Amino acid sequence: MGEWFTREALYELVWSEPVSRVAPRYGTSVANVTAACRHALIPMPGRGYWAKRRFGKTAQRDPLPPRGPGMSRRAFVGSLRQRWTGQRATESVEEPVEPQFPDDIGDIEAAARARVGRPRLPALAARTHPVIAGLIAEDAERRANPHSWSKPRFEGPEAQRRLRVANGLFFALERVGVESGFQGHGEPRFGATVGHTWVPISMVSGH
């Protein structure tokens, strides 16, 4: 089976009854439900929570944190095979006509700035991010082969400055668990996977 939920709906589901009961209802495993919650930053009841509930004791829920930047408002409960073999037709959550965004964008921006901090721009020879190191090595190979149709991408001071800026930015994003990269097909561009979203990074040349 497998099914789509909003983060809020899945949060209510896993805090309303044990995940060992939830999983069979949707034709999946406890591991898949747990993975869906982890992927969507949904906290789950800890050890002892259901025992307290059974004996009528007070058991506090962990609050649902706001979505992170780039994170989807939905989560899929099921296996990867279920997700990509026709399960989209059985989605139980319809998008509203006018999407609602309960998280304040100012709060999200402030939290992101606080986590990333102030990026530094180390010299490329001193400290090089693996993605940037790969681009430098690739350009060196292109330069060494005079018969290659592929010319170096980062020639000249302006291009080298772009590499240095990207290098510092990638290290800053790495501190908060964001994966950075470079897409070389079509129009080459730097970018980063923020939450569940690929975000291209544009660098405008100064005048």
C-alpha atoms as a PDB file:
ATOM      1  CA  MET A   1       0.000   0.000   0.000  1.00  0.00           C
ATOM      2  CA  GLY A   2       1.810   3.095   1.236  1.00  0.00           C
ATOM      3  CA  GLU A   3       0.274   6.515   1.695  1.00  0.00           C
ATOM      4  CA  TRP A   4       1.082  10.233   1.749  1.00  0.00           C
ATOM      5  CA  PHE A   5       0.495  12.364   4.855  1.00  0.00           C
ATOM      6  CA  THR A   6       1.036  15.948   5.849  1.00  0.00           C
ATOM      7  CA  ARG A   7       3.695  16.261   8.529  1.00  0.00           C
ATOM      8  CA  GLU A   8       0.993  17.277  10.989  1.00  0.00           C
ATOM      9  CA  ALA A   9      -1.199  14.252  10.173  1.00  0.00           C
ATOM     10  CA  LEU A  10       1.686  11.780  10.481  1.00  0.00           C
ATOM     11  CA  TYR A  11       2.766  13.377  13.758  1.00  0.00           C
ATOM     12  CA  GLU A  12      -0.745  12.915  15.185  1.00  0.00           C
ATOM     13  CA  LEU A  13      -0.835   9.330  13.914  1.00  0.00           C
ATOM     14  CA  VAL A  14       2.413   8.137  15.520  1.00  0.00           C
ATOM     15  CA  TRP A  15       1.544   9.824  18.820  1.00  0.00           C
ATOM     16  CA  SER A  16      -1.972   8.378  18.918  1.00  0.00           C
ATOM     17  CA  GLU A  17      -0.988   4.680  18.888  1.00  0.00           C
ATOM     18  CA  PRO A  18       2.178   2.554  18.740  1.00  0.00           C
ATOM     19  CA  VAL A  19       3.938   2.443  15.387  1.00  0.00           C
ATOM     20  CA  SER A  20       3.720  -1.377  15.510  1.00  0.00           C
ATOM     21  CA  ARG A  21      -0.022  -0.952  14.912  1.00  0.00           C
ATOM     22  CA  VAL A  22       0.282   1.883  12.411  1.00  0.00           C
ATOM     23  CA  ALA A  23       2.686   0.088  10.048  1.00  0.00           C
ATOM     24  CA  PRO A  24       0.524  -2.998   9.219  1.00  0.00           C
ATOM     25  CA  ARG A  25      -2.469  -0.773   8.488  1.00  0.00           C
ATOM     26  CA  TYR A  26      -0.582   0.812   5.595  1.00  0.00           C
ATOM     27  CA  GLY A  27       1.034  -2.397   4.393  1.00  0.00           C
ATOM     28  CA  THR A  28       4.530  -1.407   5.440  1.00  0.00           C
ATOM     29  CA  SER A  29       7.089  -1.955   8.193  1.00  0.00           C
ATOM     30  CA  VAL A  30       7.922  -0.206  11.443  1.00  0.00           C
ATOM     31  CA  ALA A  31      11.291   0.676   9.900  1.00  0.00           C
ATOM     32  CA  ASN A  32       9.601   2.475   6.971  1.00  0.00           C
ATOM     33  CA  VAL A  33       7.330   4.493   9.271  1.00  0.00           C
ATOM     34  CA  THR A  34      10.295   5.413  11.446  1.00  0.00           C
ATOM     35  CA  ALA A  35      12.322   6.427   8.375  1.00  0.00           C
ATOM     36  CA  ALA A  36       9.450   8.614   7.116  1.00  0.00           C
ATOM     37  CA  CYS A  37       9.283  10.407  10.466  1.00  0.00           C
ATOM     38  CA  ARG A  38      13.027  10.884  10.600  1.00  0.00           C
ATOM     39  CA  HIS A  39      13.072  12.248   7.033  1.00  0.00           C
ATOM     40  CA  ALA A  40      10.295  14.738   7.865  1.00  0.00           C
ATOM     41  CA  LEU A  41      11.785  15.734  11.259  1.00  0.00           C
ATOM     42  CA  ILE A  42       8.788  14.271  13.114  1.00  0.00           C
ATOM     43  CA  PRO A  43       9.587  13.232  16.715  1.00  0.00           C
ATOM     44  CA  MET A  44       8.337   9.817  17.859  1.00  0.00           C
ATOM     45  CA  PRO A  45       7.375   8.541  21.336  1.00  0.00           C
ATOM     46  CA  GLY A  46      10.344   7.343  23.336  1.00  0.00           C
ATOM     47  CA  ARG A  47      10.726   4.239  25.455  1.00  0.00           C
ATOM     48  CA  GLY A  48       8.176   4.132  28.260  1.00  0.00           C
ATOM     49  CA  TYR A  49       5.666   6.523  26.677  1.00  0.00           C
ATOM     50  CA  TRP A  50       3.015   3.891  25.923  1.00  0.00           C
ATOM     51  CA  ALA A  51       3.537   2.164  29.264  1.00  0.00           C
ATOM     52  CA  LYS A  52       2.713   5.425  31.031  1.00  0.00           C
ATOM     53  CA  ARG A  53      -0.381   5.844  28.870  1.00  0.00           C
ATOM     54  CA  ARG A  54      -1.575   2.313  29.678  1.00  0.00           C
ATOM     55  CA  PHE A  55      -1.343   2.987  33.408  1.00  0.00           C
ATOM     56  CA  GLY A  56      -3.090   6.359  33.132  1.00  0.00           C
ATOM     57  CA  LYS A  57       0.025   8.381  33.865  1.00  0.00           C
ATOM     58  CA  THR A  58       0.802  11.711  32.256  1.00  0.00           C
ATOM     59  CA  ALA A  59       3.022  11.314  29.215  1.00  0.00           C
ATOM     60  CA  GLN A  60       4.214  14.439  27.443  1.00  0.00           C
ATOM     61  CA  ARG A  61       4.466  14.676  23.669  1.00  0.00           C
ATOM     62  CA  ASP A  62       7.564  16.099  22.060  1.00  0.00           C
ATOM     63  CA  PRO A  63       6.409  19.108  20.005  1.00  0.00           C
ATOM     64  CA  LEU A  64       6.491  19.013  16.214  1.00  0.00           C
ATOM     65  CA  PRO A  65       9.311  21.325  15.108  1.00  0.00           C
ATOM     66  CA  PRO A  66       8.822  23.732  12.177  1.00  0.00           C
ATOM     67  CA  ARG A  67       9.789  22.527   8.722  1.00  0.00           C
ATOM     68  CA  GLY A  68      13.363  23.260   7.768  1.00  0.00           C
ATOM     69  CA  PRO A  69      14.171  25.347   4.678  1.00  0.00           C
ATOM     70  CA  GLY A  70      13.361  23.422   1.504  1.00  0.00           C
ATOM     71  CA  MET A  71      11.555  20.643   3.369  1.00  0.00           C
ATOM     72  CA  SER A  72       8.337  19.196   1.930  1.00  0.00           C
ATOM     73  CA  ARG A  73       5.125  19.565   3.942  1.00  0.00           C
ATOM     74  CA  ARG A  74       4.309  15.920   3.177  1.00  0.00           C
ATOM     75  CA  ALA A  75       5.795  12.535   4.046  1.00  0.00           C
ATOM     76  CA  PHE A  76       5.329   9.122   2.428  1.00  0.00           C
ATOM     77  CA  VAL A  77       4.756   6.094   4.650  1.00  0.00           C
ATOM     78  CA  GLY A  78       5.847   3.011   2.755  1.00  0.00           C
ATOM     79  CA  SER A  79       8.834   1.558   0.930  1.00  0.00           C
ATOM     80  CA  LEU A  80      10.692   3.244  -1.926  1.00  0.00           C
ATOM     81  CA  ARG A  81       9.242   0.621  -4.277  1.00  0.00           C
ATOM     82  CA  GLN A  82       5.703   1.520  -3.170  1.00  0.00           C
ATOM     83  CA  ARG A  83       6.457   5.191  -3.641  1.00  0.00           C
ATOM     84  CA  TRP A  84       7.569   4.836  -7.265  1.00  0.00           C
ATOM     85  CA  THR A  85       5.257   2.062  -8.537  1.00  0.00           C
ATOM     86  CA  GLY A  86       1.865   3.678  -8.772  1.00  0.00           C
ATOM     87  CA  GLN A  87       1.235   4.713  -5.188  1.00  0.00           C
ATOM     88  CA  ARG A  88       0.912   8.364  -6.176  1.00  0.00           C
ATOM     89  CA  ALA A  89      -2.620   7.566  -7.378  1.00  0.00           C
ATOM     90  CA  THR A  90      -3.678   6.591  -3.859  1.00  0.00           C
ATOM     91  CA  GLU A  91      -2.544   9.756  -2.088  1.00  0.00           C
ATOM     92  CA  SER A  92      -4.806  10.524   0.833  1.00  0.00           C
ATOM     93  CA  VAL A  93      -3.701  14.133   1.240  1.00  0.00           C
ATOM     94  CA  GLU A  94      -4.930  16.695  -1.267  1.00  0.00           C
ATOM     95  CA  GLU A  95      -3.070  19.956  -1.651  1.00  0.00           C
ATOM     96  CA  PRO A  96      -5.268  22.917  -0.651  1.00  0.00           C
ATOM     97  CA  VAL A  97      -6.424  25.247  -3.412  1.00  0.00           C
ATOM     98  CA  GLU A  98      -4.391  28.011  -1.778  1.00  0.00           C
ATOM     99  CA  PRO A  99      -1.307  26.493  -0.102  1.00  0.00           C
ATOM    100  CA  GLN A 100      -0.917  27.461   3.539  1.00  0.00           C
ATOM    101  CA  PHE A 101       2.471  28.346   5.008  1.00  0.00           C
ATOM    102  CA  PRO A 102       2.110  28.421   8.806  1.00  0.00           C
ATOM    103  CA  ASP A 103       5.840  28.937   9.439  1.00  0.00           C
ATOM    104  CA  ASP A 104       6.883  32.596   9.449  1.00  0.00           C
ATOM    105  CA  ILE A 105       9.495  33.166   6.723  1.00  0.00           C
ATOM    106  CA  GLY A 106      11.302  35.712   8.897  1.00  0.00           C
ATOM    107  CA  ASP A 107      11.732  33.180  11.691  1.00  0.00           C
ATOM    108  CA  ILE A 108      12.977  30.554   9.218  1.00  0.00           C
ATOM    109  CA  GLU A 109      15.491  32.994   7.726  1.00  0.00           C
ATOM    110  CA  ALA A 110      16.768  34.083  11.155  1.00  0.00           C
ATOM    111  CA  ALA A 111      17.194  30.463  12.273  1.00  0.00           C
ATOM    112  CA  ALA A 112      19.041  29.587   9.057  1.00  0.00           C
ATOM    113  CA  ARG A 113      21.375  32.571   9.403  1.00  0.00           C
ATOM    114  CA  ALA A 114      22.130  31.668  13.008  1.00  0.00           C
ATOM    115  CA  ARG A 115      22.969  28.058  12.078  1.00  0.00           C
ATOM    116  CA  VAL A 116      25.154  28.897   9.072  1.00  0.00           C
ATOM    117  CA  GLY A 117      27.009  31.773  10.728  1.00  0.00           C
ATOM    118  CA  ARG A 118      29.367  34.047   8.834  1.00  0.00           C
ATOM    119  CA  PRO A 119      31.107  32.215   5.967  1.00  0.00           C
ATOM    120  CA  ARG A 120      34.862  32.639   5.654  1.00  0.00           C
ATOM    121  CA  LEU A 121      36.792  32.611   2.400  1.00  0.00           C
ATOM    122  CA  PRO A 122      39.941  30.547   2.924  1.00  0.00           C
ATOM    123  CA  ALA A 123      42.545  30.506   0.177  1.00  0.00           C
ATOM    124  CA  LEU A 124      41.947  27.566  -2.152  1.00  0.00           C
ATOM    125  CA  ALA A 125      45.438  26.249  -1.520  1.00  0.00           C
ATOM    126  CA  ALA A 126      44.874  26.302   2.253  1.00  0.00           C
ATOM    127  CA  ARG A 127      41.565  24.484   2.590  1.00  0.00           C
ATOM    128  CA  THR A 128      39.526  23.096  -0.279  1.00  0.00           C
ATOM    129  CA  HIS A 129      36.044  21.602  -0.184  1.00  0.00           C
ATOM    130  CA  PRO A 130      35.874  18.186  -1.972  1.00  0.00           C
ATOM    131  CA  VAL A 131      33.504  19.513  -4.665  1.00  0.00           C
ATOM    132  CA  ILE A 132      35.797  22.460  -5.428  1.00  0.00           C
ATOM    133  CA  ALA A 133      38.872  20.222  -5.334  1.00  0.00           C
ATOM    134  CA  GLY A 134      37.227  18.013  -7.955  1.00  0.00           C
ATOM    135  CA  LEU A 135      36.560  21.007 -10.228  1.00  0.00           C
ATOM    136  CA  ILE A 136      40.161  22.215  -9.880  1.00  0.00           C
ATOM    137  CA  ALA A 137      41.487  18.742 -10.724  1.00  0.00           C
ATOM    138  CA  GLU A 138      39.153  18.505 -13.723  1.00  0.00           C
ATOM    139  CA  ASP A 139      40.363  21.851 -15.063  1.00  0.00           C
ATOM    140  CA  ALA A 140      43.983  20.734 -14.625  1.00  0.00           C
ATOM    141  CA  GLU A 141      43.281  17.640 -16.757  1.00  0.00           C
ATOM    142  CA  ARG A 142      41.648  19.763 -19.458  1.00  0.00           C
ATOM    143  CA  ARG A 143      44.609  22.153 -19.469  1.00  0.00           C
ATOM    144  CA  ALA A 144      47.050  19.249 -19.778  1.00  0.00           C
ATOM    145  CA  ASN A 145      45.293  17.926 -22.888  1.00  0.00           C
ATOM    146  CA  PRO A 146      45.697  20.492 -25.697  1.00  0.00           C
ATOM    147  CA  HIS A 147      43.563  18.390 -28.039  1.00  0.00           C
ATOM    148  CA  SER A 148      40.550  18.305 -25.724  1.00  0.00           C
ATOM    149  CA  TRP A 149      37.354  19.995 -26.903  1.00  0.00           C
ATOM    150  CA  SER A 150      36.493  20.658 -23.264  1.00  0.00           C
ATOM    151  CA  LYS A 151      38.192  23.848 -22.160  1.00  0.00           C
ATOM    152  CA  PRO A 152      38.831  24.704 -18.489  1.00  0.00           C
ATOM    153  CA  ARG A 153      35.759  26.216 -16.834  1.00  0.00           C
ATOM    154  CA  PHE A 154      37.508  28.423 -14.313  1.00  0.00           C
ATOM    155  CA  GLU A 155      40.141  30.487 -16.110  1.00  0.00           C
ATOM    156  CA  GLY A 156      41.038  34.008 -15.051  1.00  0.00           C
ATOM    157  CA  PRO A 157      40.770  35.977 -11.783  1.00  0.00           C
ATOM    158  CA  GLU A 158      36.978  36.376 -11.888  1.00  0.00           C
ATOM    159  CA  ALA A 159      36.393  32.644 -12.313  1.00  0.00           C
ATOM    160  CA  GLN A 160      38.927  31.877  -9.580  1.00  0.00           C
ATOM    161  CA  ARG A 161      37.098  34.257  -7.247  1.00  0.00           C
ATOM    162  CA  ARG A 162      33.857  32.383  -7.960  1.00  0.00           C
ATOM    163  CA  LEU A 163      35.574  29.165  -6.943  1.00  0.00           C
ATOM    164  CA  ARG A 164      36.854  30.745  -3.732  1.00  0.00           C
ATOM    165  CA  VAL A 165      33.412  32.136  -2.821  1.00  0.00           C
ATOM    166  CA  ALA A 166      31.773  28.764  -3.533  1.00  0.00           C
ATOM    167  CA  ASN A 167      34.490  27.048  -1.485  1.00  0.00           C
ATOM    168  CA  GLY A 168      33.766  29.167   1.592  1.00  0.00           C
ATOM    169  CA  LEU A 169      30.006  28.865   1.162  1.00  0.00           C
ATOM    170  CA  PHE A 170      30.169  25.074   0.809  1.00  0.00           C
ATOM    171  CA  PHE A 171      32.136  24.768   4.049  1.00  0.00           C
ATOM    172  CA  ALA A 172      29.566  26.970   5.834  1.00  0.00           C
ATOM    173  CA  LEU A 173      26.655  24.885   4.530  1.00  0.00           C
ATOM    174  CA  GLU A 174      28.475  21.673   5.489  1.00  0.00           C
ATOM    175  CA  ARG A 175      28.373  22.786   9.137  1.00  0.00           C
ATOM    176  CA  VAL A 176      24.571  22.556   9.096  1.00  0.00           C
ATOM    177  CA  GLY A 177      24.343  19.295   7.155  1.00  0.00           C
ATOM    178  CA  VAL A 178      23.560  20.775   3.729  1.00  0.00           C
ATOM    179  CA  GLU A 179      25.057  18.897   0.766  1.00  0.00           C
ATOM    180  CA  SER A 180      26.548  21.175  -1.904  1.00  0.00           C
ATOM    181  CA  GLY A 181      27.395  20.330  -5.478  1.00  0.00           C
ATOM    182  CA  PHE A 182      28.022  21.443  -9.052  1.00  0.00           C
ATOM    183  CA  GLN A 183      25.912  20.600 -12.087  1.00  0.00           C
ATOM    184  CA  GLY A 184      28.057  20.617 -15.193  1.00  0.00           C
ATOM    185  CA  HIS A 185      25.466  19.677 -17.817  1.00  0.00           C
ATOM    186  CA  GLY A 186      23.660  22.382 -19.743  1.00  0.00           C
ATOM    187  CA  GLU A 187      24.357  25.663 -17.971  1.00  0.00           C
ATOM    188  CA  PRO A 188      26.998  24.885 -15.309  1.00  0.00           C
ATOM    189  CA  ARG A 189      26.010  26.081 -11.858  1.00  0.00           C
ATOM    190  CA  PHE A 190      26.722  25.644  -8.201  1.00  0.00           C
ATOM    191  CA  GLY A 191      23.929  24.544  -5.902  1.00  0.00           C
ATOM    192  CA  ALA A 192      22.940  22.844  -2.671  1.00  0.00           C
ATOM    193  CA  THR A 193      20.306  20.363  -1.518  1.00  0.00           C
ATOM    194  CA  VAL A 194      18.398  22.241   1.188  1.00  0.00           C
ATOM    195  CA  GLY A 195      15.911  19.978   2.941  1.00  0.00           C
ATOM    196  CA  HIS A 196      14.389  18.084   0.017  1.00  0.00           C
ATOM    197  CA  THR A 197      15.025  20.796  -2.592  1.00  0.00           C
ATOM    198  CA  TRP A 198      17.922  21.460  -4.975  1.00  0.00           C
ATOM    199  CA  VAL A 199      18.672  25.195  -4.804  1.00  0.00           C
ATOM    200  CA  PRO A 200      20.876  26.707  -7.552  1.00  0.00           C
ATOM    201  CA  ILE A 201      23.416  29.298  -6.394  1.00  0.00           C
ATOM    202  CA  SER A 202      24.021  32.233  -8.736  1.00  0.00           C
ATOM    203  CA  MET A 203      27.083  34.445  -8.500  1.00  0.00           C
ATOM    204  CA  VAL A 204      26.797  37.830 -10.160  1.00  0.00           C
ATOM    205  CA  SER A 205      30.042  39.384 -11.333  1.00  0.00           C
ATOM    206  CA  GLY A 206      30.937  42.712  -9.739  1.00  0.00           C
ATOM    207  CA  HIS A 207      31.489  45.852 -11.778  1.00  0.00           C
END
